[in-house]
Amino acid sequence: MIIEIEDYKLIQDGTTFNLVWVTKSEETIIEEVDGRRVRTKTGKLVDRDVDFGYNMQLEYCIHKIVMNNLSQKDLRVNLEKWINMYREEREKITKLINNQI
């Protein structure tokens, strides 16, 4: 079973999950030029799966999602603000889960 949460996929593997981050990346094609293989970017954005971990409990998957979301923000904050941001991100995901139970 594959569960989608925001830009992530949780792939169930028995009682654990494999975590994949789906991000946008510029498409690259490989062409042969003068007998050499050359990578060329097309300018087209495509979904790219980034493996984030294997055989993890759901709780740890949520933690990794929250930490990655926070690391994508280009901010400089004090510890108190960071803790509040962490709490808000975590609550956003846990509310999705709790509303479905």
PDB file of N, CA and C in Angstrom:
ATOM      1  N   MET A   1       0.842  -1.171   0.000  1.00  0.00           N
ATOM      2  CA  MET A   1       0.000   0.000   0.000  1.00  0.00           C
ATOM      3  C   MET A   1       0.892   1.241   0.000  1.00  0.00           C
ATOM      4  N   ILE A   2       0.487   2.246  -0.760  1.00  0.00           N
ATOM      5  CA  ILE A   2       1.220   3.507  -0.794  1.00  0.00           C
ATOM      6  C   ILE A   2       0.313   4.595  -0.230  1.00  0.00           C
ATOM      7  N   ILE A   3       0.813   5.304   0.765  1.00  0.00           N
ATOM      8  CA  ILE A   3       0.071   6.378   1.418  1.00  0.00           C
ATOM      9  C   ILE A   3       0.757   7.692   1.059  1.00  0.00           C
ATOM     10  N   GLU A   4      -0.019   8.656   0.577  1.00  0.00           N
ATOM     11  CA  GLU A   4       0.552   9.949   0.204  1.00  0.00           C
ATOM     12  C   GLU A   4       0.257  10.979   1.283  1.00  0.00           C
ATOM     13  N   ILE A   5       1.298  11.664   1.721  1.00  0.00           N
ATOM     14  CA  ILE A   5       1.187  12.769   2.677  1.00  0.00           C
ATOM     15  C   ILE A   5       1.964  13.927   2.078  1.00  0.00           C
ATOM     16  N   GLU A   6       1.263  14.981   1.687  1.00  0.00           N
ATOM     17  CA  GLU A   6       1.882  16.139   1.057  1.00  0.00           C
ATOM     18  C   GLU A   6       2.747  15.690  -0.122  1.00  0.00           C
ATOM     19  N   ASP A   7       4.046  15.986  -0.091  1.00  0.00           N
ATOM     20  CA  ASP A   7       4.959  15.618  -1.183  1.00  0.00           C
ATOM     21  C   ASP A   7       5.720  14.329  -0.886  1.00  0.00           C
ATOM     22  N   TYR A   8       5.145  13.472  -0.071  1.00  0.00           N
ATOM     23  CA  TYR A   8       5.830  12.259   0.362  1.00  0.00           C
ATOM     24  C   TYR A   8       4.962  11.042   0.087  1.00  0.00           C
ATOM     25  N   LYS A   9       5.622   9.903  -0.068  1.00  0.00           N
ATOM     26  CA  LYS A   9       4.931   8.627  -0.193  1.00  0.00           C
ATOM     27  C   LYS A   9       5.469   7.701   0.896  1.00  0.00           C
ATOM     28  N   LEU A  10       4.539   7.109   1.633  1.00  0.00           N
ATOM     29  CA  LEU A  10       4.889   6.073   2.596  1.00  0.00           C
ATOM     30  C   LEU A  10       4.516   4.747   1.946  1.00  0.00           C
ATOM     31  N   ILE A  11       5.498   3.920   1.728  1.00  0.00           N
ATOM     32  CA  ILE A  11       5.265   2.629   1.086  1.00  0.00           C
ATOM     33  C   ILE A  11       5.300   1.570   2.181  1.00  0.00           C
ATOM     34  N   GLN A  12       4.149   0.980   2.434  1.00  0.00           N
ATOM     35  CA  GLN A  12       4.054   0.008   3.516  1.00  0.00           C
ATOM     36  C   GLN A  12       4.806  -1.253   3.154  1.00  0.00           C
ATOM     37  N   ASP A  13       5.628  -1.702   4.115  1.00  0.00           N
ATOM     38  CA  ASP A  13       6.422  -2.915   3.944  1.00  0.00           C
ATOM     39  C   ASP A  13       6.228  -3.756   5.203  1.00  0.00           C
ATOM     40  N   GLY A  14       5.164  -4.524   5.235  1.00  0.00           N
ATOM     41  CA  GLY A  14       4.839  -5.275   6.450  1.00  0.00           C
ATOM     42  C   GLY A  14       4.331  -4.311   7.511  1.00  0.00           C
ATOM     43  N   THR A  15       5.017  -4.267   8.645  1.00  0.00           N
ATOM     44  CA  THR A  15       4.605  -3.370   9.733  1.00  0.00           C
ATOM     45  C   THR A  15       5.408  -2.073   9.738  1.00  0.00           C
ATOM     46  N   THR A  16       6.286  -1.886   8.762  1.00  0.00           N
ATOM     47  CA  THR A  16       7.084  -0.666   8.680  1.00  0.00           C
ATOM     48  C   THR A  16       6.831   0.032   7.345  1.00  0.00           C
ATOM     49  N   PHE A  17       7.500   1.166   7.167  1.00  0.00           N
ATOM     50  CA  PHE A  17       7.291   1.965   5.962  1.00  0.00           C
ATOM     51  C   PHE A  17       8.619   2.380   5.352  1.00  0.00           C
ATOM     52  N   ASN A  18       8.609   2.512   4.033  1.00  0.00           N
ATOM     53  CA  ASN A  18       9.711   3.138   3.312  1.00  0.00           C
ATOM     54  C   ASN A  18       9.223   4.524   2.934  1.00  0.00           C
ATOM     55  N   LEU A  19      10.059   5.539   3.155  1.00  0.00           N
ATOM     56  CA  LEU A  19       9.664   6.925   2.932  1.00  0.00           C
ATOM     57  C   LEU A  19      10.331   7.461   1.672  1.00  0.00           C
ATOM     58  N   VAL A  20       9.522   8.068   0.797  1.00  0.00           N
ATOM     59  CA  VAL A  20      10.010   8.639  -0.457  1.00  0.00           C
ATOM     60  C   VAL A  20       9.514  10.075  -0.545  1.00  0.00           C
ATOM     61  N   TRP A  21      10.419  10.997  -0.850  1.00  0.00           N
ATOM     62  CA  TRP A  21      10.067  12.400  -1.053  1.00  0.00           C
ATOM     63  C   TRP A  21       9.943  12.627  -2.554  1.00  0.00           C
ATOM     64  N   VAL A  22       8.803  13.118  -2.987  1.00  0.00           N
ATOM     65  CA  VAL A  22       8.583  13.407  -4.401  1.00  0.00           C
ATOM     66  C   VAL A  22       8.847  14.896  -4.604  1.00  0.00           C
ATOM     67  N   THR A  23       9.896  15.203  -5.339  1.00  0.00           N
ATOM     68  CA  THR A  23      10.304  16.588  -5.546  1.00  0.00           C
ATOM     69  C   THR A  23      10.369  16.886  -7.037  1.00  0.00           C
ATOM     70  N   LYS A  24      10.387  18.140  -7.375  1.00  0.00           N
ATOM     71  CA  LYS A  24      10.496  18.544  -8.782  1.00  0.00           C
ATOM     72  C   LYS A  24      11.972  18.671  -9.143  1.00  0.00           C
ATOM     73  N   SER A  25      12.312  18.192 -10.323  1.00  0.00           N
ATOM     74  CA  SER A  25      13.683  18.251 -10.796  1.00  0.00           C
ATOM     75  C   SER A  25      13.662  18.493 -12.292  1.00  0.00           C
ATOM     76  N   GLU A  26      14.675  19.180 -12.779  1.00  0.00           N
ATOM     77  CA  GLU A  26      14.751  19.439 -14.209  1.00  0.00           C
ATOM     78  C   GLU A  26      15.128  18.151 -14.939  1.00  0.00           C
ATOM     79  N   GLU A  27      14.367  17.831 -15.961  1.00  0.00           N
ATOM     80  CA  GLU A  27      14.601  16.610 -16.721  1.00  0.00           C
ATOM     81  C   GLU A  27      15.955  16.678 -17.428  1.00  0.00           C
ATOM     82  N   THR A  28      16.665  15.575 -17.402  1.00  0.00           N
ATOM     83  CA  THR A  28      17.964  15.464 -18.056  1.00  0.00           C
ATOM     84  C   THR A  28      17.920  14.306 -19.046  1.00  0.00           C
ATOM     85  N   ILE A  29      18.392  14.568 -20.242  1.00  0.00           N
ATOM     86  CA  ILE A  29      18.492  13.493 -21.227  1.00  0.00           C
ATOM     87  C   ILE A  29      19.969  13.259 -21.542  1.00  0.00           C
ATOM     88  N   ILE A  30      20.277  12.049 -21.949  1.00  0.00           N
ATOM     89  CA  ILE A  30      21.657  11.708 -22.301  1.00  0.00           C
ATOM     90  C   ILE A  30      21.725  11.576 -23.816  1.00  0.00           C
ATOM     91  N   GLU A  31      22.587  12.368 -24.416  1.00  0.00           N
ATOM     92  CA  GLU A  31      22.762  12.349 -25.868  1.00  0.00           C
ATOM     93  C   GLU A  31      24.195  11.930 -26.187  1.00  0.00           C
ATOM     94  N   GLU A  32      24.369  11.415 -27.367  1.00  0.00           N
ATOM     95  CA  GLU A  32      25.714  11.055 -27.807  1.00  0.00           C
ATOM     96  C   GLU A  32      26.214  12.150 -28.754  1.00  0.00           C
ATOM     97  N   VAL A  33      27.310  12.790 -28.370  1.00  0.00           N
ATOM     98  CA  VAL A  33      27.901  13.862 -29.172  1.00  0.00           C
ATOM     99  C   VAL A  33      29.369  13.522 -29.395  1.00  0.00           C
ATOM    100  N   ASP A  34      29.772  13.411 -30.651  1.00  0.00           N
ATOM    101  CA  ASP A  34      31.156  13.080 -31.000  1.00  0.00           C
ATOM    102  C   ASP A  34      31.650  11.824 -30.286  1.00  0.00           C
ATOM    103  N   GLY A  35      30.769  10.832 -30.180  1.00  0.00           N
ATOM    104  CA  GLY A  35      31.154   9.567 -29.565  1.00  0.00           C
ATOM    105  C   GLY A  35      31.157   9.600 -28.037  1.00  0.00           C
ATOM    106  N   ARG A  36      30.773  10.730 -27.444  1.00  0.00           N
ATOM    107  CA  ARG A  36      30.717  10.840 -25.976  1.00  0.00           C
ATOM    108  C   ARG A  36      29.275  10.993 -25.533  1.00  0.00           C
ATOM    109  N   ARG A  37      28.989  10.514 -24.356  1.00  0.00           N
ATOM    110  CA  ARG A  37      27.658  10.673 -23.782  1.00  0.00           C
ATOM    111  C   ARG A  37      27.613  11.985 -23.005  1.00  0.00           C
ATOM    112  N   VAL A  38      26.667  12.842 -23.347  1.00  0.00           N
ATOM    113  CA  VAL A  38      26.556  14.164 -22.739  1.00  0.00           C
ATOM    114  C   VAL A  38      25.163  14.317 -22.134  1.00  0.00           C
ATOM    115  N   ARG A  39      25.122  14.789 -20.911  1.00  0.00           N
ATOM    116  CA  ARG A  39      23.840  15.051 -20.251  1.00  0.00           C
ATOM    117  C   ARG A  39      23.392  16.466 -20.602  1.00  0.00           C
ATOM    118  N   THR A  40      22.118  16.580 -20.986  1.00  0.00           N
ATOM    119  CA  THR A  40      21.557  17.877 -21.354  1.00  0.00           C
ATOM    120  C   THR A  40      20.249  18.080 -20.607  1.00  0.00           C
ATOM    121  N   LYS A  41      20.107  19.240 -19.962  1.00  0.00           N
ATOM    122  CA  LYS A  41      18.860  19.552 -19.266  1.00  0.00           C
ATOM    123  C   LYS A  41      17.861  20.098 -20.276  1.00  0.00           C
ATOM    124  N   THR A  42      16.607  19.625 -20.159  1.00  0.00           N
ATOM    125  CA  THR A  42      15.581  20.017 -21.119  1.00  0.00           C
ATOM    126  C   THR A  42      14.815  21.262 -20.693  1.00  0.00           C
ATOM    127  N   GLY A  43      14.894  21.627 -19.412  1.00  0.00           N
ATOM    128  CA  GLY A  43      14.128  22.762 -18.906  1.00  0.00           C
ATOM    129  C   GLY A  43      12.752  22.350 -18.398  1.00  0.00           C
ATOM    130  N   LYS A  44      12.366  21.122 -18.654  1.00  0.00           N
ATOM    131  CA  LYS A  44      11.069  20.617 -18.217  1.00  0.00           C
ATOM    132  C   LYS A  44      11.188  20.052 -16.802  1.00  0.00           C
ATOM    133  N   LEU A  45      10.272  20.463 -15.906  1.00  0.00           N
ATOM    134  CA  LEU A  45      10.277  19.940 -14.547  1.00  0.00           C
ATOM    135  C   LEU A  45       9.492  18.637 -14.493  1.00  0.00           C
ATOM    136  N   VAL A  46      10.083  17.646 -13.861  1.00  0.00           N
ATOM    137  CA  VAL A  46       9.444  16.338 -13.709  1.00  0.00           C
ATOM    138  C   VAL A  46       9.537  15.912 -12.240  1.00  0.00           C
ATOM    139  N   ASP A  47       8.625  15.034 -11.835  1.00  0.00           N
ATOM    140  CA  ASP A  47       8.679  14.488 -10.478  1.00  0.00           C
ATOM    141  C   ASP A  47       9.858  13.541 -10.359  1.00  0.00           C
ATOM    142  N   ARG A  48      10.562  13.648  -9.234  1.00  0.00           N
ATOM    143  CA  ARG A  48      11.695  12.762  -8.978  1.00  0.00           C
ATOM    144  C   ARG A  48      11.545  12.199  -7.577  1.00  0.00           C
ATOM    145  N   ASP A  49      11.660  10.896  -7.454  1.00  0.00           N
ATOM    146  CA  ASP A  49      11.570  10.248  -6.144  1.00  0.00           C
ATOM    147  C   ASP A  49      12.937  10.250  -5.468  1.00  0.00           C
ATOM    148  N   VAL A  50      12.955  10.734  -4.214  1.00  0.00           N
ATOM    149  CA  VAL A  50      14.174  10.724  -3.412  1.00  0.00           C
ATOM    150  C   VAL A  50      13.925   9.800  -2.225  1.00  0.00           C
ATOM    151  N   ASP A  51      14.699   8.720  -2.142  1.00  0.00           N
ATOM    152  CA  ASP A  51      14.548   7.789  -1.021  1.00  0.00           C
ATOM    153  C   ASP A  51      14.976   8.473   0.268  1.00  0.00           C
ATOM    154  N   PHE A  52      14.088   8.402   1.274  1.00  0.00           N
ATOM    155  CA  PHE A  52      14.352   9.060   2.548  1.00  0.00           C
ATOM    156  C   PHE A  52      14.560   8.083   3.692  1.00  0.00           C
ATOM    157  N   GLY A  53      14.292   6.814   3.473  1.00  0.00           N
ATOM    158  CA  GLY A  53      14.536   5.849   4.536  1.00  0.00           C
ATOM    159  C   GLY A  53      13.732   4.581   4.332  1.00  0.00           C
ATOM    160  N   TYR A  54      14.209   3.530   4.951  1.00  0.00           N
ATOM    161  CA  TYR A  54      13.597   2.210   4.813  1.00  0.00           C
ATOM    162  C   TYR A  54      13.291   1.628   6.182  1.00  0.00           C
ATOM    163  N   ASN A  55      12.255   0.778   6.216  1.00  0.00           N
ATOM    164  CA  ASN A  55      11.896   0.021   7.423  1.00  0.00           C
ATOM    165  C   ASN A  55      11.755   0.906   8.659  1.00  0.00           C
ATOM    166  N   MET A  56      10.985   1.994   8.512  1.00  0.00           N
ATOM    167  CA  MET A  56      10.793   2.934   9.623  1.00  0.00           C
ATOM    168  C   MET A  56       9.376   2.834  10.168  1.00  0.00           C
ATOM    169  N   GLN A  57       9.243   3.069  11.458  1.00  0.00           N
ATOM    170  CA  GLN A  57       7.923   3.147  12.074  1.00  0.00           C
ATOM    171  C   GLN A  57       7.244   4.442  11.619  1.00  0.00           C
ATOM    172  N   LEU A  58       5.922   4.463  11.642  1.00  0.00           N
ATOM    173  CA  LEU A  58       5.159   5.623  11.190  1.00  0.00           C
ATOM    174  C   LEU A  58       5.583   6.896  11.926  1.00  0.00           C
ATOM    175  N   GLU A  59       5.783   6.788  13.212  1.00  0.00           N
ATOM    176  CA  GLU A  59       6.172   7.954  14.029  1.00  0.00           C
ATOM    177  C   GLU A  59       7.471   8.580  13.518  1.00  0.00           C
ATOM    178  N   TYR A  60       8.443   7.746  13.170  1.00  0.00           N
ATOM    179  CA  TYR A  60       9.726   8.273  12.688  1.00  0.00           C
ATOM    180  C   TYR A  60       9.585   8.858  11.281  1.00  0.00           C
ATOM    181  N   CYS A  61       8.712   8.279  10.469  1.00  0.00           N
ATOM    182  CA  CYS A  61       8.440   8.843   9.140  1.00  0.00           C
ATOM    183  C   CYS A  61       7.895  10.260   9.281  1.00  0.00           C
ATOM    184  N   ILE A  62       6.963  10.441  10.191  1.00  0.00           N
ATOM    185  CA  ILE A  62       6.392  11.774  10.425  1.00  0.00           C
ATOM    186  C   ILE A  62       7.481  12.734  10.863  1.00  0.00           C
ATOM    187  N   HIS A  63       8.340  12.297  11.765  1.00  0.00           N
ATOM    188  CA  HIS A  63       9.448  13.137  12.234  1.00  0.00           C
ATOM    189  C   HIS A  63      10.345  13.558  11.059  1.00  0.00           C
ATOM    190  N   LYS A  64      10.687  12.623  10.194  1.00  0.00           N
ATOM    191  CA  LYS A  64      11.556  12.942   9.051  1.00  0.00           C
ATOM    192  C   LYS A  64      10.874  13.902   8.077  1.00  0.00           C
ATOM    193  N   ILE A  65       9.569  13.748   7.877  1.00  0.00           N
ATOM    194  CA  ILE A  65       8.830  14.662   7.015  1.00  0.00           C
ATOM    195  C   ILE A  65       8.874  16.073   7.589  1.00  0.00           C
ATOM    196  N   VAL A  66       8.607  16.177   8.872  1.00  0.00           N
ATOM    197  CA  VAL A  66       8.620  17.489   9.542  1.00  0.00           C
ATOM    198  C   VAL A  66      10.001  18.115   9.452  1.00  0.00           C
ATOM    199  N   MET A  67      11.034  17.351   9.746  1.00  0.00           N
ATOM    200  CA  MET A  67      12.398  17.890   9.710  1.00  0.00           C
ATOM    201  C   MET A  67      12.776  18.337   8.301  1.00  0.00           C
ATOM    202  N   ASN A  68      12.400  17.581   7.286  1.00  0.00           N
ATOM    203  CA  ASN A  68      12.719  17.969   5.911  1.00  0.00           C
ATOM    204  C   ASN A  68      11.950  19.224   5.509  1.00  0.00           C
ATOM    205  N   ASN A  69      10.668  19.302   5.886  1.00  0.00           N
ATOM    206  CA  ASN A  69       9.890  20.497   5.571  1.00  0.00           C
ATOM    207  C   ASN A  69      10.507  21.735   6.210  1.00  0.00           C
ATOM    208  N   LEU A  70      10.952  21.607   7.449  1.00  0.00           N
ATOM    209  CA  LEU A  70      11.580  22.749   8.126  1.00  0.00           C
ATOM    210  C   LEU A  70      12.909  23.111   7.484  1.00  0.00           C
ATOM    211  N   SER A  71      13.667  22.121   7.049  1.00  0.00           N
ATOM    212  CA  SER A  71      14.979  22.407   6.461  1.00  0.00           C
ATOM    213  C   SER A  71      14.854  23.105   5.110  1.00  0.00           C
ATOM    214  N   GLN A  72      13.689  22.999   4.469  1.00  0.00           N
ATOM    215  CA  GLN A  72      13.477  23.652   3.183  1.00  0.00           C
ATOM    216  C   GLN A  72      13.187  25.144   3.319  1.00  0.00           C
ATOM    217  N   LYS A  73      12.906  25.588   4.540  1.00  0.00           N
ATOM    218  CA  LYS A  73      12.618  27.008   4.774  1.00  0.00           C
ATOM    219  C   LYS A  73      13.931  27.757   4.958  1.00  0.00           C
ATOM    220  N   ASP A  74      14.076  28.849   4.274  1.00  0.00           N
ATOM    221  CA  ASP A  74      15.300  29.650   4.340  1.00  0.00           C
ATOM    222  C   ASP A  74      15.126  30.745   5.393  1.00  0.00           C
ATOM    223  N   LEU A  75      15.198  30.338   6.660  1.00  0.00           N
ATOM    224  CA  LEU A  75      14.962  31.262   7.766  1.00  0.00           C
ATOM    225  C   LEU A  75      16.071  31.160   8.802  1.00  0.00           C
ATOM    226  N   ARG A  76      16.162  32.205   9.580  1.00  0.00           N
ATOM    227  CA  ARG A  76      17.042  32.184  10.747  1.00  0.00           C
ATOM    228  C   ARG A  76      16.167  32.527  11.943  1.00  0.00           C
ATOM    229  N   VAL A  77      16.008  31.553  12.851  1.00  0.00           N
ATOM    230  CA  VAL A  77      15.088  31.732  13.983  1.00  0.00           C
ATOM    231  C   VAL A  77      15.770  31.274  15.270  1.00  0.00           C
ATOM    232  N   ASN A  78      15.214  31.727  16.397  1.00  0.00           N
ATOM    233  CA  ASN A  78      15.730  31.259  17.682  1.00  0.00           C
ATOM    234  C   ASN A  78      15.097  29.903  18.013  1.00  0.00           C
ATOM    235  N   LEU A  79      15.567  29.269  19.059  1.00  0.00           N
ATOM    236  CA  LEU A  79      15.123  27.918  19.412  1.00  0.00           C
ATOM    237  C   LEU A  79      13.625  27.869  19.695  1.00  0.00           C
ATOM    238  N   GLU A  80      13.123  28.856  20.410  1.00  0.00           N
ATOM    239  CA  GLU A  80      11.694  28.867  20.749  1.00  0.00           C
ATOM    240  C   GLU A  80      10.831  28.898  19.480  1.00  0.00           C
ATOM    241  N   LYS A  81      11.195  29.727  18.529  1.00  0.00           N
ATOM    242  CA  LYS A  81      10.451  29.825  17.273  1.00  0.00           C
ATOM    243  C   LYS A  81      10.550  28.506  16.503  1.00  0.00           C
ATOM    244  N   TRP A  82      11.746  27.907  16.487  1.00  0.00           N
ATOM    245  CA  TRP A  82      11.918  26.630  15.779  1.00  0.00           C
ATOM    246  C   TRP A  82      11.041  25.538  16.399  1.00  0.00           C
ATOM    247  N   ILE A  83      10.999  25.491  17.718  1.00  0.00           N
ATOM    248  CA  ILE A  83      10.168  24.487  18.406  1.00  0.00           C
ATOM    249  C   ILE A  83       8.701  24.685  18.054  1.00  0.00           C
ATOM    250  N   ASN A  84       8.258  25.942  18.003  1.00  0.00           N
ATOM    251  CA  ASN A  84       6.869  26.219  17.618  1.00  0.00           C
ATOM    252  C   ASN A  84       6.600  25.810  16.177  1.00  0.00           C
ATOM    253  N   MET A  85       7.552  26.073  15.288  1.00  0.00           N
ATOM    254  CA  MET A  85       7.403  25.685  13.884  1.00  0.00           C
ATOM    255  C   MET A  85       7.342  24.164  13.761  1.00  0.00           C
ATOM    256  N   TYR A  86       8.190  23.466  14.519  1.00  0.00           N
ATOM    257  CA  TYR A  86       8.196  22.003  14.515  1.00  0.00           C
ATOM    258  C   TYR A  86       6.833  21.481  14.975  1.00  0.00           C
ATOM    259  N   ARG A  87       6.347  22.053  16.061  1.00  0.00           N
ATOM    260  CA  ARG A  87       5.064  21.628  16.626  1.00  0.00           C
ATOM    261  C   ARG A  87       3.932  21.842  15.609  1.00  0.00           C
ATOM    262  N   GLU A  88       3.923  22.990  14.940  1.00  0.00           N
ATOM    263  CA  GLU A  88       2.875  23.277  13.957  1.00  0.00           C
ATOM    264  C   GLU A  88       2.919  22.301  12.774  1.00  0.00           C
ATOM    265  N   GLU A  89       4.129  22.036  12.263  1.00  0.00           N
ATOM    266  CA  GLU A  89       4.265  21.084  11.150  1.00  0.00           C
ATOM    267  C   GLU A  89       3.794  19.695  11.562  1.00  0.00           C
ATOM    268  N   ARG A  90       4.173  19.288  12.757  1.00  0.00           N
ATOM    269  CA  ARG A  90       3.809  17.959  13.252  1.00  0.00           C
ATOM    270  C   ARG A  90       2.301  17.848  13.453  1.00  0.00           C
ATOM    271  N   GLU A  91       1.714  18.907  14.021  1.00  0.00           N
ATOM    272  CA  GLU A  91       0.267  18.896  14.257  1.00  0.00           C
ATOM    273  C   GLU A  91      -0.502  18.841  12.940  1.00  0.00           C
ATOM    274  N   LYS A  92       0.018  19.499  11.909  1.00  0.00           N
ATOM    275  CA  LYS A  92      -0.642  19.487  10.602  1.00  0.00           C
ATOM    276  C   LYS A  92      -0.777  18.049  10.090  1.00  0.00           C
ATOM    277  N   ILE A  93       0.277  17.258  10.257  1.00  0.00           N
ATOM    278  CA  ILE A  93       0.250  15.864   9.780  1.00  0.00           C
ATOM    279  C   ILE A  93      -0.571  14.979  10.708  1.00  0.00           C
ATOM    280  N   THR A  94      -0.394  15.134  12.008  1.00  0.00           N
ATOM    281  CA  THR A  94      -1.127  14.271  12.946  1.00  0.00           C
ATOM    282  C   THR A  94      -2.631  14.554  12.904  1.00  0.00           C
ATOM    283  N   LYS A  95      -3.030  15.795  12.599  1.00  0.00           N
ATOM    284  CA  LYS A  95      -4.458  16.085  12.451  1.00  0.00           C
ATOM    285  C   LYS A  95      -5.040  15.323  11.268  1.00  0.00           C
ATOM    286  N   LEU A  96      -4.275  15.223  10.174  1.00  0.00           N
ATOM    287  CA  LEU A  96      -4.731  14.426   9.035  1.00  0.00           C
ATOM    288  C   LEU A  96      -4.991  12.988   9.447  1.00  0.00           C
ATOM    289  N   ILE A  97      -4.081  12.447  10.242  1.00  0.00           N
ATOM    290  CA  ILE A  97      -4.206  11.058  10.685  1.00  0.00           C
ATOM    291  C   ILE A  97      -5.372  10.918  11.661  1.00  0.00           C
ATOM    292  N   ASN A  98      -5.454  11.811  12.637  1.00  0.00           N
ATOM    293  CA  ASN A  98      -6.492  11.716  13.656  1.00  0.00           C
ATOM    294  C   ASN A  98      -7.887  11.934  13.089  1.00  0.00           C
ATOM    295  N   ASN A  99      -8.012  12.772  12.068  1.00  0.00           N
ATOM    296  CA  ASN A  99      -9.324  13.008  11.464  1.00  0.00           C
ATOM    297  C   ASN A  99      -9.821  11.796  10.697  1.00  0.00           C
ATOM    298  N   GLN A 100      -8.907  10.920  10.299  1.00  0.00           N
ATOM    299  CA  GLN A 100      -9.294   9.738   9.541  1.00  0.00           C
ATOM    300  C   GLN A 100      -9.608   8.542  10.425  1.00  0.00           C
ATOM    301  N   ILE A 101      -9.211   8.617  11.700  1.00  0.00           N
ATOM    302  CA  ILE A 101      -9.424   7.471  12.613  1.00  0.00           C
ATOM    303  C   ILE A 101     -10.776   7.587  13.285  1.00  0.00           C
TER     304      ILE A 101
END
